[in-house]
Amino acid sequence: MPNINKYKTIGYCRVSTSMQDANNQELEISRYARNHNIKVDDYISIEVSSRKDTKARLIDELMEKLEEGDTLIVSELSRLGRSVGQVTTMVDELISNKIKFIAIKENICLNGNGKKDIQTTAMVGMFSLLAEIERQLISERTKAGMEMARAKGRLIGRPKGSKGKTKLDGEEELIKSELKYGVAKSAIARKLKVSRGSLVNFINSRGLC
């Protein structure tokens, strides 16, 4: 039997770093779809910064897949872009192509009739601006926290010139003795069950030669 519903629904998920999880966005979209009797036909997921262009963010690929009458679902507007301009341009294109659009967090649902009104423009712009402000505030709080830590003398990361702990700590005298008697570094490394490279780095950092 032919598919009665020729239109498709695509979920778009984007995370900026490996610390985030696109699966969470997929779960949110699938939960929304299930509650509203919508079948999601495909997901496009990508880990890339919103600073990248539309090709890198797979937006170009997404727009090629979407046709008139199709539906695009995102967990929130900020997945489409970083700035108000990026998001509004994307939404304008969706409206022009008569593609239905749903942003779950902002409770935005455009019916794909091809008409853009002032209310829609204002609503999309407002939520995009709020998301942009939120990103800036998070960035400022992160910077402030780092500055405060530095002011209190807590350096971020390993201090410059510091020596990290290794499994060779405590073996300095043995290593110096072996080197003194001309034992090959590879043989010393085998005895201490480390790679030759690790041994050489340890020798150099501890000044054992």
N, C-alpha and C. Protein backbone atom coordinates (compact mmCIF):
# COMPACT_ATOMS: atom_id res chain seq x y z
N MET A 1 0.84 -1.20 0.00
CA MET A 1 0.00 0.00 0.00
C MET A 1 0.88 1.25 0.00
N PRO A 2 0.51 2.27 -0.78
CA PRO A 2 1.29 3.49 -0.79
C PRO A 2 1.16 4.23 0.53
N ASN A 3 2.15 5.03 0.85
CA ASN A 3 2.14 5.81 2.07
C ASN A 3 1.14 6.95 1.94
N ILE A 4 0.07 6.91 2.73
CA ILE A 4 -0.98 7.93 2.64
C ILE A 4 -0.42 9.29 3.04
N ASN A 5 0.38 9.31 4.08
CA ASN A 5 0.98 10.56 4.54
C ASN A 5 2.34 10.72 3.85
N LYS A 6 2.37 11.56 2.81
CA LYS A 6 3.60 11.71 2.03
C LYS A 6 4.58 12.66 2.70
N TYR A 7 4.12 13.35 3.73
CA TYR A 7 4.99 14.31 4.39
C TYR A 7 5.83 13.62 5.48
N LYS A 8 7.00 14.16 5.71
CA LYS A 8 7.89 13.57 6.71
C LYS A 8 8.20 14.57 7.81
N THR A 9 8.66 14.03 8.95
CA THR A 9 9.05 14.84 10.09
C THR A 9 10.50 14.53 10.44
N ILE A 10 11.30 15.59 10.58
CA ILE A 10 12.73 15.43 10.89
C ILE A 10 13.04 16.15 12.21
N GLY A 11 13.80 15.47 13.06
CA GLY A 11 14.28 16.08 14.29
C GLY A 11 15.73 16.50 14.11
N TYR A 12 16.03 17.75 14.44
CA TYR A 12 17.41 18.24 14.31
C TYR A 12 18.00 18.45 15.69
N CYS A 13 19.18 17.85 15.93
CA CYS A 13 19.84 17.94 17.23
C CYS A 13 21.28 18.41 17.03
N ARG A 14 21.69 19.39 17.83
CA ARG A 14 23.08 19.86 17.74
C ARG A 14 23.62 20.14 19.13
N VAL A 15 24.83 19.64 19.39
CA VAL A 15 25.54 19.97 20.62
C VAL A 15 26.86 20.62 20.25
N SER A 16 27.37 21.48 21.16
CA SER A 16 28.58 22.22 20.85
C SER A 16 29.84 21.47 21.22
N THR A 17 29.77 20.64 22.26
CA THR A 17 30.97 19.94 22.73
C THR A 17 30.63 18.50 23.08
N SER A 18 31.70 17.72 23.28
CA SER A 18 31.52 16.31 23.66
C SER A 18 31.00 16.18 25.08
N MET A 19 30.99 17.31 25.83
CA MET A 19 30.47 17.28 27.20
C MET A 19 28.95 17.23 27.20
N GLN A 20 28.34 17.54 26.03
CA GLN A 20 26.90 17.51 25.90
C GLN A 20 26.48 16.24 25.17
N ASP A 21 25.20 15.96 25.18
CA ASP A 21 24.72 14.70 24.61
C ASP A 21 23.52 14.95 23.71
N ALA A 22 23.70 14.68 22.41
CA ALA A 22 22.61 14.86 21.45
C ALA A 22 21.47 13.89 21.72
N ASN A 23 21.78 12.76 22.38
CA ASN A 23 20.72 11.77 22.68
C ASN A 23 19.64 12.37 23.56
N ASN A 24 20.02 13.29 24.45
CA ASN A 24 19.03 13.93 25.31
C ASN A 24 18.03 14.73 24.49
N GLN A 25 18.54 15.40 23.44
CA GLN A 25 17.65 16.16 22.57
C GLN A 25 16.74 15.22 21.77
N GLU A 26 17.29 14.11 21.32
CA GLU A 26 16.48 13.13 20.59
C GLU A 26 15.37 12.58 21.49
N LEU A 27 15.69 12.30 22.74
CA LEU A 27 14.69 11.79 23.68
C LEU A 27 13.59 12.82 23.90
N GLU A 28 14.00 14.09 24.02
CA GLU A 28 13.00 15.14 24.24
C GLU A 28 12.08 15.27 23.04
N ILE A 29 12.66 15.20 21.84
CA ILE A 29 11.86 15.30 20.62
C ILE A 29 10.93 14.09 20.48
N SER A 30 11.46 12.90 20.73
CA SER A 30 10.64 11.69 20.60
C SER A 30 9.51 11.68 21.63
N ARG A 31 9.78 12.18 22.83
CA ARG A 31 8.74 12.26 23.86
C ARG A 31 7.63 13.22 23.43
N TYR A 32 8.03 14.36 22.89
CA TYR A 32 7.05 15.34 22.41
C TYR A 32 6.23 14.74 21.27
N ALA A 33 6.92 14.09 20.33
CA ALA A 33 6.24 13.50 19.17
C ALA A 33 5.23 12.44 19.61
N ARG A 34 5.63 11.61 20.56
CA ARG A 34 4.74 10.56 21.05
C ARG A 34 3.49 11.16 21.70
N ASN A 35 3.69 12.22 22.48
CA ASN A 35 2.55 12.86 23.17
C ASN A 35 1.61 13.58 22.21
N HIS A 36 2.12 13.91 21.01
CA HIS A 36 1.29 14.65 20.05
C HIS A 36 1.00 13.82 18.80
N ASN A 37 1.17 12.51 18.92
CA ASN A 37 0.87 11.58 17.82
C ASN A 37 1.58 11.95 16.52
N ILE A 38 2.86 12.28 16.65
CA ILE A 38 3.69 12.62 15.49
C ILE A 38 4.73 11.52 15.31
N LYS A 39 4.92 11.08 14.07
CA LYS A 39 5.94 10.08 13.77
C LYS A 39 7.19 10.79 13.24
N VAL A 40 8.30 10.66 13.95
CA VAL A 40 9.56 11.25 13.49
C VAL A 40 10.23 10.26 12.53
N ASP A 41 10.42 10.68 11.29
CA ASP A 41 10.96 9.79 10.27
C ASP A 41 12.48 9.73 10.29
N ASP A 42 13.12 10.81 10.73
CA ASP A 42 14.58 10.83 10.69
C ASP A 42 15.11 11.87 11.68
N TYR A 43 16.35 11.63 12.12
CA TYR A 43 17.03 12.60 12.97
C TYR A 43 18.34 13.00 12.30
N ILE A 44 18.66 14.26 12.40
CA ILE A 44 19.98 14.75 11.98
C ILE A 44 20.66 15.28 13.22
N SER A 45 21.75 14.64 13.63
CA SER A 45 22.46 15.01 14.85
C SER A 45 23.90 15.36 14.52
N ILE A 46 24.43 16.39 15.17
CA ILE A 46 25.78 16.83 14.90
C ILE A 46 26.40 17.44 16.15
N GLU A 47 27.70 17.19 16.35
CA GLU A 47 28.45 17.85 17.43
C GLU A 47 29.33 18.90 16.79
N VAL A 48 28.92 20.15 16.87
CA VAL A 48 29.68 21.24 16.24
C VAL A 48 29.27 22.55 16.88
N SER A 49 30.19 23.49 16.94
CA SER A 49 29.90 24.80 17.52
C SER A 49 28.92 25.56 16.65
N SER A 50 28.08 26.38 17.28
CA SER A 50 27.14 27.22 16.54
C SER A 50 27.86 28.31 15.77
N ARG A 51 29.15 28.50 16.05
CA ARG A 51 29.94 29.49 15.31
C ARG A 51 30.24 29.02 13.89
N LYS A 52 30.15 27.71 13.65
CA LYS A 52 30.44 27.17 12.32
C LYS A 52 29.34 27.56 11.34
N ASP A 53 29.67 27.45 10.03
CA ASP A 53 28.70 27.84 9.02
C ASP A 53 27.60 26.78 8.88
N THR A 54 26.61 27.11 8.06
CA THR A 54 25.43 26.23 7.93
C THR A 54 25.79 24.87 7.36
N LYS A 55 26.82 24.81 6.51
CA LYS A 55 27.22 23.52 5.95
C LYS A 55 27.80 22.63 7.04
N ALA A 56 28.68 23.19 7.87
CA ALA A 56 29.29 22.41 8.95
C ALA A 56 28.26 21.97 9.97
N ARG A 57 27.24 22.79 10.20
CA ARG A 57 26.20 22.46 11.17
C ARG A 57 25.11 21.56 10.56
N LEU A 58 25.32 21.12 9.32
CA LEU A 58 24.38 20.26 8.58
C LEU A 58 23.04 20.93 8.32
N ILE A 59 23.00 22.26 8.45
CA ILE A 59 21.77 22.99 8.15
C ILE A 59 21.46 22.90 6.66
N ASP A 60 22.50 23.00 5.83
CA ASP A 60 22.29 22.90 4.38
C ASP A 60 21.69 21.55 4.02
N GLU A 61 22.25 20.49 4.61
CA GLU A 61 21.73 19.14 4.35
C GLU A 61 20.29 19.02 4.84
N LEU A 62 20.02 19.60 5.99
CA LEU A 62 18.67 19.56 6.56
C LEU A 62 17.66 20.23 5.63
N MET A 63 18.02 21.41 5.13
CA MET A 63 17.10 22.16 4.27
C MET A 63 16.87 21.45 2.94
N GLU A 64 17.86 20.71 2.48
CA GLU A 64 17.69 19.95 1.24
C GLU A 64 16.70 18.81 1.42
N LYS A 65 16.66 18.25 2.62
CA LYS A 65 15.77 17.12 2.89
C LYS A 65 14.32 17.57 3.08
N LEU A 66 14.15 18.80 3.60
CA LEU A 66 12.80 19.26 3.92
C LEU A 66 12.09 19.80 2.68
N GLU A 67 10.84 19.40 2.52
CA GLU A 67 10.03 19.86 1.40
C GLU A 67 8.73 20.47 1.94
N GLU A 68 8.02 21.12 1.07
CA GLU A 68 6.76 21.75 1.45
C GLU A 68 5.83 20.73 2.13
N GLY A 69 5.32 21.10 3.29
CA GLY A 69 4.42 20.22 4.03
C GLY A 69 5.11 19.39 5.09
N ASP A 70 6.45 19.29 5.02
CA ASP A 70 7.21 18.54 6.02
C ASP A 70 7.26 19.30 7.35
N THR A 71 7.75 18.63 8.38
CA THR A 71 7.83 19.23 9.71
C THR A 71 9.25 19.10 10.26
N LEU A 72 9.74 20.18 10.84
CA LEU A 72 11.04 20.19 11.52
C LEU A 72 10.80 20.41 13.01
N ILE A 73 11.42 19.56 13.83
CA ILE A 73 11.29 19.70 15.29
C ILE A 73 12.68 19.85 15.91
N VAL A 74 12.82 20.83 16.79
CA VAL A 74 14.06 21.00 17.56
C VAL A 74 13.69 21.10 19.03
N SER A 75 14.63 20.76 19.90
CA SER A 75 14.35 20.83 21.34
C SER A 75 14.25 22.28 21.81
N GLU A 76 15.01 23.18 21.16
CA GLU A 76 14.94 24.61 21.47
C GLU A 76 15.52 25.41 20.31
N LEU A 77 15.13 26.67 20.23
CA LEU A 77 15.53 27.52 19.11
C LEU A 77 17.03 27.64 18.93
N SER A 78 17.77 27.67 20.03
CA SER A 78 19.21 27.90 19.97
C SER A 78 19.95 26.80 19.22
N ARG A 79 19.28 25.63 18.98
CA ARG A 79 19.93 24.58 18.20
C ARG A 79 20.12 25.02 16.75
N LEU A 80 19.29 25.96 16.28
CA LEU A 80 19.37 26.40 14.89
C LEU A 80 20.51 27.37 14.65
N GLY A 81 20.92 28.10 15.67
CA GLY A 81 21.97 29.09 15.48
C GLY A 81 22.32 29.80 16.77
N ARG A 82 23.40 30.59 16.71
CA ARG A 82 23.93 31.25 17.89
C ARG A 82 23.30 32.62 18.13
N SER A 83 22.97 33.30 17.04
CA SER A 83 22.49 34.67 17.16
C SER A 83 21.03 34.79 16.73
N VAL A 84 20.44 35.93 17.09
CA VAL A 84 19.06 36.21 16.68
C VAL A 84 18.96 36.18 15.16
N GLY A 85 19.98 36.77 14.51
CA GLY A 85 19.97 36.82 13.05
C GLY A 85 19.98 35.44 12.41
N GLN A 86 20.81 34.54 12.93
CA GLN A 86 20.88 33.18 12.38
C GLN A 86 19.55 32.46 12.50
N VAL A 87 18.95 32.56 13.69
CA VAL A 87 17.70 31.84 13.94
C VAL A 87 16.56 32.41 13.11
N THR A 88 16.42 33.73 13.08
CA THR A 88 15.31 34.33 12.33
C THR A 88 15.45 34.07 10.83
N THR A 89 16.67 34.07 10.32
CA THR A 89 16.88 33.77 8.90
C THR A 89 16.43 32.35 8.59
N MET A 90 16.77 31.43 9.48
CA MET A 90 16.39 30.03 9.30
C MET A 90 14.87 29.87 9.35
N VAL A 91 14.24 30.51 10.33
CA VAL A 91 12.79 30.41 10.46
C VAL A 91 12.10 31.04 9.26
N ASP A 92 12.63 32.17 8.78
CA ASP A 92 12.06 32.81 7.59
C ASP A 92 12.07 31.86 6.39
N GLU A 93 13.18 31.11 6.24
CA GLU A 93 13.29 30.17 5.13
C GLU A 93 12.29 29.03 5.28
N LEU A 94 12.11 28.56 6.51
CA LEU A 94 11.13 27.50 6.75
C LEU A 94 9.71 27.97 6.39
N ILE A 95 9.40 29.20 6.82
CA ILE A 95 8.07 29.75 6.53
C ILE A 95 7.87 29.91 5.03
N SER A 96 8.89 30.45 4.34
CA SER A 96 8.79 30.67 2.90
C SER A 96 8.58 29.36 2.14
N ASN A 97 9.21 28.28 2.64
CA ASN A 97 9.09 26.98 1.98
C ASN A 97 7.89 26.16 2.47
N LYS A 98 7.06 26.79 3.29
CA LYS A 98 5.85 26.16 3.82
C LYS A 98 6.16 24.86 4.58
N ILE A 99 7.17 24.95 5.41
CA ILE A 99 7.58 23.82 6.25
C ILE A 99 7.11 24.08 7.68
N LYS A 100 6.45 23.12 8.27
CA LYS A 100 6.01 23.26 9.65
C LYS A 100 7.21 23.23 10.58
N PHE A 101 7.13 23.99 11.66
CA PHE A 101 8.28 24.10 12.56
C PHE A 101 7.82 24.08 14.01
N ILE A 102 8.53 23.26 14.82
CA ILE A 102 8.20 23.15 16.25
C ILE A 102 9.49 23.32 17.05
N ALA A 103 9.47 24.27 17.99
CA ALA A 103 10.56 24.43 18.96
C ALA A 103 9.95 24.12 20.33
N ILE A 104 10.35 23.00 20.92
CA ILE A 104 9.67 22.47 22.10
C ILE A 104 9.79 23.38 23.31
N LYS A 105 11.00 23.79 23.65
CA LYS A 105 11.22 24.59 24.86
C LYS A 105 10.42 25.88 24.84
N GLU A 106 10.40 26.55 23.68
CA GLU A 106 9.70 27.85 23.59
C GLU A 106 8.22 27.71 23.27
N ASN A 107 7.77 26.45 23.06
CA ASN A 107 6.38 26.18 22.72
C ASN A 107 5.95 26.92 21.45
N ILE A 108 6.86 26.94 20.47
CA ILE A 108 6.58 27.57 19.18
C ILE A 108 6.14 26.49 18.20
N CYS A 109 5.03 26.74 17.51
CA CYS A 109 4.52 25.79 16.52
C CYS A 109 4.00 26.57 15.32
N LEU A 110 4.76 26.55 14.23
CA LEU A 110 4.36 27.25 13.01
C LEU A 110 3.71 26.24 12.07
N ASN A 111 2.55 26.60 11.54
CA ASN A 111 1.75 25.62 10.81
C ASN A 111 2.15 25.41 9.36
N GLY A 112 3.15 26.15 8.87
CA GLY A 112 3.62 25.92 7.51
C GLY A 112 2.71 26.44 6.43
N ASN A 113 1.94 27.48 6.73
CA ASN A 113 1.05 28.03 5.71
C ASN A 113 1.73 29.06 4.81
N GLY A 114 3.02 29.31 5.05
CA GLY A 114 3.75 30.22 4.19
C GLY A 114 3.58 31.68 4.52
N LYS A 115 2.83 31.97 5.58
CA LYS A 115 2.57 33.36 5.95
C LYS A 115 3.36 33.72 7.21
N LYS A 116 4.01 34.87 7.13
CA LYS A 116 4.77 35.36 8.27
C LYS A 116 4.10 36.62 8.81
N ASP A 117 3.70 36.55 10.09
CA ASP A 117 3.06 37.73 10.67
C ASP A 117 3.97 38.37 11.72
N ILE A 118 3.56 39.53 12.19
CA ILE A 118 4.36 40.28 13.16
C ILE A 118 4.51 39.51 14.46
N GLN A 119 3.46 38.83 14.87
CA GLN A 119 3.49 38.07 16.12
C GLN A 119 4.55 36.97 16.07
N THR A 120 4.59 36.25 14.95
CA THR A 120 5.58 35.18 14.79
C THR A 120 7.00 35.75 14.81
N THR A 121 7.20 36.83 14.06
CA THR A 121 8.52 37.47 14.01
C THR A 121 8.97 37.91 15.39
N ALA A 122 8.07 38.55 16.13
CA ALA A 122 8.40 39.05 17.47
C ALA A 122 8.70 37.90 18.42
N MET A 123 7.90 36.84 18.33
CA MET A 123 8.07 35.71 19.23
C MET A 123 9.41 35.00 19.00
N VAL A 124 9.73 34.73 17.75
CA VAL A 124 10.99 34.07 17.43
C VAL A 124 12.16 34.95 17.82
N GLY A 125 12.07 36.24 17.51
CA GLY A 125 13.14 37.17 17.84
C GLY A 125 13.36 37.27 19.34
N MET A 126 12.27 37.30 20.09
CA MET A 126 12.38 37.44 21.55
C MET A 126 13.05 36.23 22.17
N PHE A 127 12.61 35.03 21.79
CA PHE A 127 13.20 33.82 22.37
C PHE A 127 14.66 33.65 21.94
N SER A 128 14.98 34.01 20.70
CA SER A 128 16.35 33.92 20.22
C SER A 128 17.25 34.87 20.99
N LEU A 129 16.73 36.09 21.24
CA LEU A 129 17.50 37.08 21.99
C LEU A 129 17.74 36.61 23.42
N LEU A 130 16.72 36.03 24.03
CA LEU A 130 16.87 35.52 25.40
C LEU A 130 17.92 34.41 25.46
N ALA A 131 17.92 33.54 24.45
CA ALA A 131 18.91 32.45 24.41
C ALA A 131 20.32 33.01 24.25
N GLU A 132 20.45 34.04 23.42
CA GLU A 132 21.75 34.66 23.20
C GLU A 132 22.25 35.34 24.48
N ILE A 133 21.35 36.03 25.18
CA ILE A 133 21.71 36.67 26.44
C ILE A 133 22.12 35.64 27.47
N GLU A 134 21.39 34.51 27.52
CA GLU A 134 21.72 33.45 28.46
C GLU A 134 23.12 32.90 28.22
N ARG A 135 23.48 32.71 26.94
CA ARG A 135 24.82 32.23 26.61
C ARG A 135 25.89 33.21 27.08
N GLN A 136 25.62 34.49 26.86
CA GLN A 136 26.59 35.51 27.27
C GLN A 136 26.75 35.55 28.78
N LEU A 137 25.65 35.41 29.50
CA LEU A 137 25.71 35.42 30.96
C LEU A 137 26.50 34.22 31.49
N ILE A 138 26.27 33.05 30.89
CA ILE A 138 27.00 31.85 31.30
C ILE A 138 28.49 32.05 31.04
N SER A 139 28.83 32.64 29.89
CA SER A 139 30.22 32.89 29.56
C SER A 139 30.86 33.86 30.55
N GLU A 140 30.11 34.91 30.90
CA GLU A 140 30.63 35.90 31.85
C GLU A 140 30.81 35.29 33.23
N ARG A 141 29.87 34.43 33.65
CA ARG A 141 29.99 33.79 34.97
C ARG A 141 31.21 32.86 35.01
N THR A 142 31.43 32.16 33.88
CA THR A 142 32.59 31.26 33.81
C THR A 142 33.89 32.06 33.92
N LYS A 143 33.97 33.16 33.18
CA LYS A 143 35.17 34.00 33.23
C LYS A 143 35.37 34.58 34.62
N ALA A 144 34.28 35.03 35.25
CA ALA A 144 34.37 35.61 36.58
C ALA A 144 34.86 34.58 37.59
N GLY A 145 34.37 33.34 37.45
CA GLY A 145 34.78 32.27 38.36
C GLY A 145 36.27 31.97 38.22
N MET A 146 36.76 31.97 37.00
CA MET A 146 38.18 31.71 36.77
C MET A 146 39.04 32.83 37.33
N GLU A 147 38.59 34.07 37.15
CA GLU A 147 39.34 35.21 37.68
C GLU A 147 39.38 35.16 39.21
N MET A 148 38.26 34.79 39.82
CA MET A 148 38.20 34.70 41.27
C MET A 148 39.14 33.60 41.78
N ALA A 149 39.17 32.48 41.06
CA ALA A 149 40.06 31.38 41.45
C ALA A 149 41.52 31.81 41.37
N ARG A 150 41.85 32.53 40.31
CA ARG A 150 43.23 33.02 40.17
C ARG A 150 43.58 33.99 41.28
N ALA A 151 42.61 34.88 41.61
CA ALA A 151 42.85 35.87 42.66
C ALA A 151 43.10 35.21 44.01
N LYS A 152 42.49 34.05 44.21
CA LYS A 152 42.67 33.33 45.47
C LYS A 152 43.88 32.41 45.42
N GLY A 153 44.59 32.45 44.31
CA GLY A 153 45.81 31.65 44.22
C GLY A 153 45.61 30.23 43.76
N ARG A 154 44.38 29.88 43.33
CA ARG A 154 44.15 28.52 42.84
C ARG A 154 44.29 28.54 41.33
N LEU A 155 45.40 28.06 40.83
CA LEU A 155 45.65 28.07 39.40
C LEU A 155 44.80 27.03 38.70
N ILE A 156 44.32 27.37 37.53
CA ILE A 156 43.51 26.46 36.73
C ILE A 156 44.44 25.51 35.97
N GLY A 157 44.27 24.23 36.16
CA GLY A 157 45.11 23.25 35.49
C GLY A 157 46.44 23.09 36.22
N ARG A 158 47.36 22.38 35.63
CA ARG A 158 48.65 22.11 36.23
C ARG A 158 49.53 23.34 36.14
N PRO A 159 50.15 23.76 37.21
CA PRO A 159 51.02 24.93 37.17
C PRO A 159 52.16 24.73 36.18
N LYS A 160 52.54 25.83 35.50
CA LYS A 160 53.60 25.78 34.52
C LYS A 160 54.90 25.29 35.16
N GLY A 161 55.52 24.31 34.54
CA GLY A 161 56.79 23.81 35.05
C GLY A 161 56.64 22.75 36.12
N SER A 162 55.39 22.44 36.54
CA SER A 162 55.22 21.44 37.59
C SER A 162 55.43 20.04 37.02
N LYS A 163 55.75 19.09 37.89
CA LYS A 163 56.00 17.71 37.47
C LYS A 163 54.83 16.84 37.88
N GLY A 164 54.17 16.24 36.90
CA GLY A 164 53.05 15.37 37.22
C GLY A 164 53.53 14.07 37.84
N LYS A 165 52.66 13.46 38.61
CA LYS A 165 53.01 12.19 39.23
C LYS A 165 53.01 11.08 38.18
N THR A 166 53.99 10.18 38.31
CA THR A 166 54.06 9.02 37.42
C THR A 166 54.37 7.79 38.25
N LYS A 167 54.25 6.61 37.63
CA LYS A 167 54.54 5.36 38.34
C LYS A 167 56.04 5.18 38.57
N LEU A 168 56.84 6.08 37.99
CA LEU A 168 58.29 6.00 38.17
C LEU A 168 58.78 6.79 39.38
N ASP A 169 57.88 7.55 40.00
CA ASP A 169 58.28 8.29 41.20
C ASP A 169 58.78 7.30 42.26
N GLY A 170 59.93 7.63 42.86
CA GLY A 170 60.52 6.74 43.86
C GLY A 170 61.59 5.82 43.29
N GLU A 171 61.67 5.80 41.94
CA GLU A 171 62.65 4.93 41.28
C GLU A 171 63.87 5.72 40.79
N GLU A 172 63.97 6.97 41.23
CA GLU A 172 65.04 7.83 40.74
C GLU A 172 66.44 7.24 40.96
N GLU A 173 66.72 6.77 42.16
CA GLU A 173 68.06 6.25 42.48
C GLU A 173 68.40 5.02 41.64
N LEU A 174 67.40 4.14 41.47
CA LEU A 174 67.61 2.95 40.65
C LEU A 174 67.93 3.35 39.22
N ILE A 175 67.17 4.28 38.69
CA ILE A 175 67.37 4.71 37.30
C ILE A 175 68.75 5.35 37.13
N LYS A 176 69.14 6.22 38.08
CA LYS A 176 70.46 6.86 38.00
C LYS A 176 71.58 5.82 38.06
N SER A 177 71.40 4.83 38.91
CA SER A 177 72.41 3.78 39.05
C SER A 177 72.54 2.98 37.76
N GLU A 178 71.40 2.62 37.16
CA GLU A 178 71.41 1.85 35.92
C GLU A 178 72.06 2.64 34.79
N LEU A 179 71.72 3.93 34.72
CA LEU A 179 72.30 4.77 33.69
C LEU A 179 73.81 4.92 33.88
N LYS A 180 74.21 5.02 35.15
CA LYS A 180 75.64 5.18 35.47
C LYS A 180 76.45 4.00 34.96
N TYR A 181 75.87 2.81 35.03
CA TYR A 181 76.59 1.60 34.60
C TYR A 181 76.30 1.25 33.13
N GLY A 182 75.70 2.19 32.42
CA GLY A 182 75.53 2.03 30.98
C GLY A 182 74.41 1.11 30.54
N VAL A 183 73.45 0.85 31.42
CA VAL A 183 72.32 -0.01 31.04
C VAL A 183 71.44 0.76 30.04
N ALA A 184 71.05 0.12 28.98
CA ALA A 184 70.22 0.76 27.95
C ALA A 184 68.88 1.20 28.53
N LYS A 185 68.39 2.35 28.04
CA LYS A 185 67.12 2.88 28.53
C LYS A 185 65.97 1.92 28.26
N SER A 186 66.01 1.23 27.10
CA SER A 186 64.93 0.28 26.79
C SER A 186 64.92 -0.87 27.80
N ALA A 187 66.12 -1.28 28.26
CA ALA A 187 66.21 -2.37 29.24
C ALA A 187 65.69 -1.90 30.60
N ILE A 188 66.02 -0.66 30.96
CA ILE A 188 65.50 -0.10 32.22
C ILE A 188 63.99 0.00 32.17
N ALA A 189 63.49 0.44 31.01
CA ALA A 189 62.04 0.60 30.85
C ALA A 189 61.33 -0.74 31.01
N ARG A 190 61.92 -1.81 30.43
CA ARG A 190 61.31 -3.14 30.57
C ARG A 190 61.31 -3.58 32.02
N LYS A 191 62.40 -3.31 32.71
CA LYS A 191 62.50 -3.70 34.11
C LYS A 191 61.43 -3.00 34.96
N LEU A 192 61.16 -1.73 34.63
CA LEU A 192 60.20 -0.95 35.42
C LEU A 192 58.79 -1.01 34.83
N LYS A 193 58.65 -1.78 33.72
CA LYS A 193 57.34 -2.03 33.11
C LYS A 193 56.67 -0.73 32.63
N VAL A 194 57.46 0.09 31.95
CA VAL A 194 56.93 1.30 31.32
C VAL A 194 57.50 1.36 29.91
N SER A 195 56.96 2.26 29.10
CA SER A 195 57.50 2.41 27.75
C SER A 195 58.81 3.20 27.80
N ARG A 196 59.63 3.03 26.77
CA ARG A 196 60.89 3.75 26.72
C ARG A 196 60.65 5.25 26.70
N GLY A 197 59.59 5.67 25.97
CA GLY A 197 59.27 7.10 25.90
C GLY A 197 58.94 7.68 27.26
N SER A 198 58.16 6.93 28.05
CA SER A 198 57.80 7.39 29.39
C SER A 198 59.04 7.52 30.27
N LEU A 199 59.95 6.56 30.12
CA LEU A 199 61.18 6.59 30.90
C LEU A 199 62.04 7.81 30.51
N VAL A 200 62.18 8.03 29.22
CA VAL A 200 62.99 9.16 28.75
C VAL A 200 62.41 10.48 29.24
N ASN A 201 61.08 10.62 29.16
CA ASN A 201 60.43 11.84 29.64
C ASN A 201 60.67 12.05 31.13
N PHE A 202 60.60 10.96 31.87
CA PHE A 202 60.82 11.03 33.31
C PHE A 202 62.27 11.44 33.61
N ILE A 203 63.21 10.83 32.91
CA ILE A 203 64.63 11.15 33.10
C ILE A 203 64.89 12.63 32.82
N ASN A 204 64.32 13.11 31.71
CA ASN A 204 64.54 14.51 31.32
C ASN A 204 63.89 15.48 32.31
N SER A 205 62.66 15.17 32.73
CA SER A 205 61.95 16.08 33.63
C SER A 205 62.54 16.11 35.03
N ARG A 206 63.20 15.01 35.43
CA ARG A 206 63.78 14.94 36.78
C ARG A 206 65.29 15.24 36.77
N GLY A 207 65.82 15.46 35.57
CA GLY A 207 67.24 15.77 35.47
C GLY A 207 68.13 14.64 35.93
N LEU A 208 67.80 13.43 35.55
CA LEU A 208 68.54 12.26 36.02
C LEU A 208 69.73 11.90 35.14
N CYS A 209 69.95 12.65 34.07
CA CYS A 209 71.08 12.31 33.21
C CYS A 209 72.01 13.50 33.06
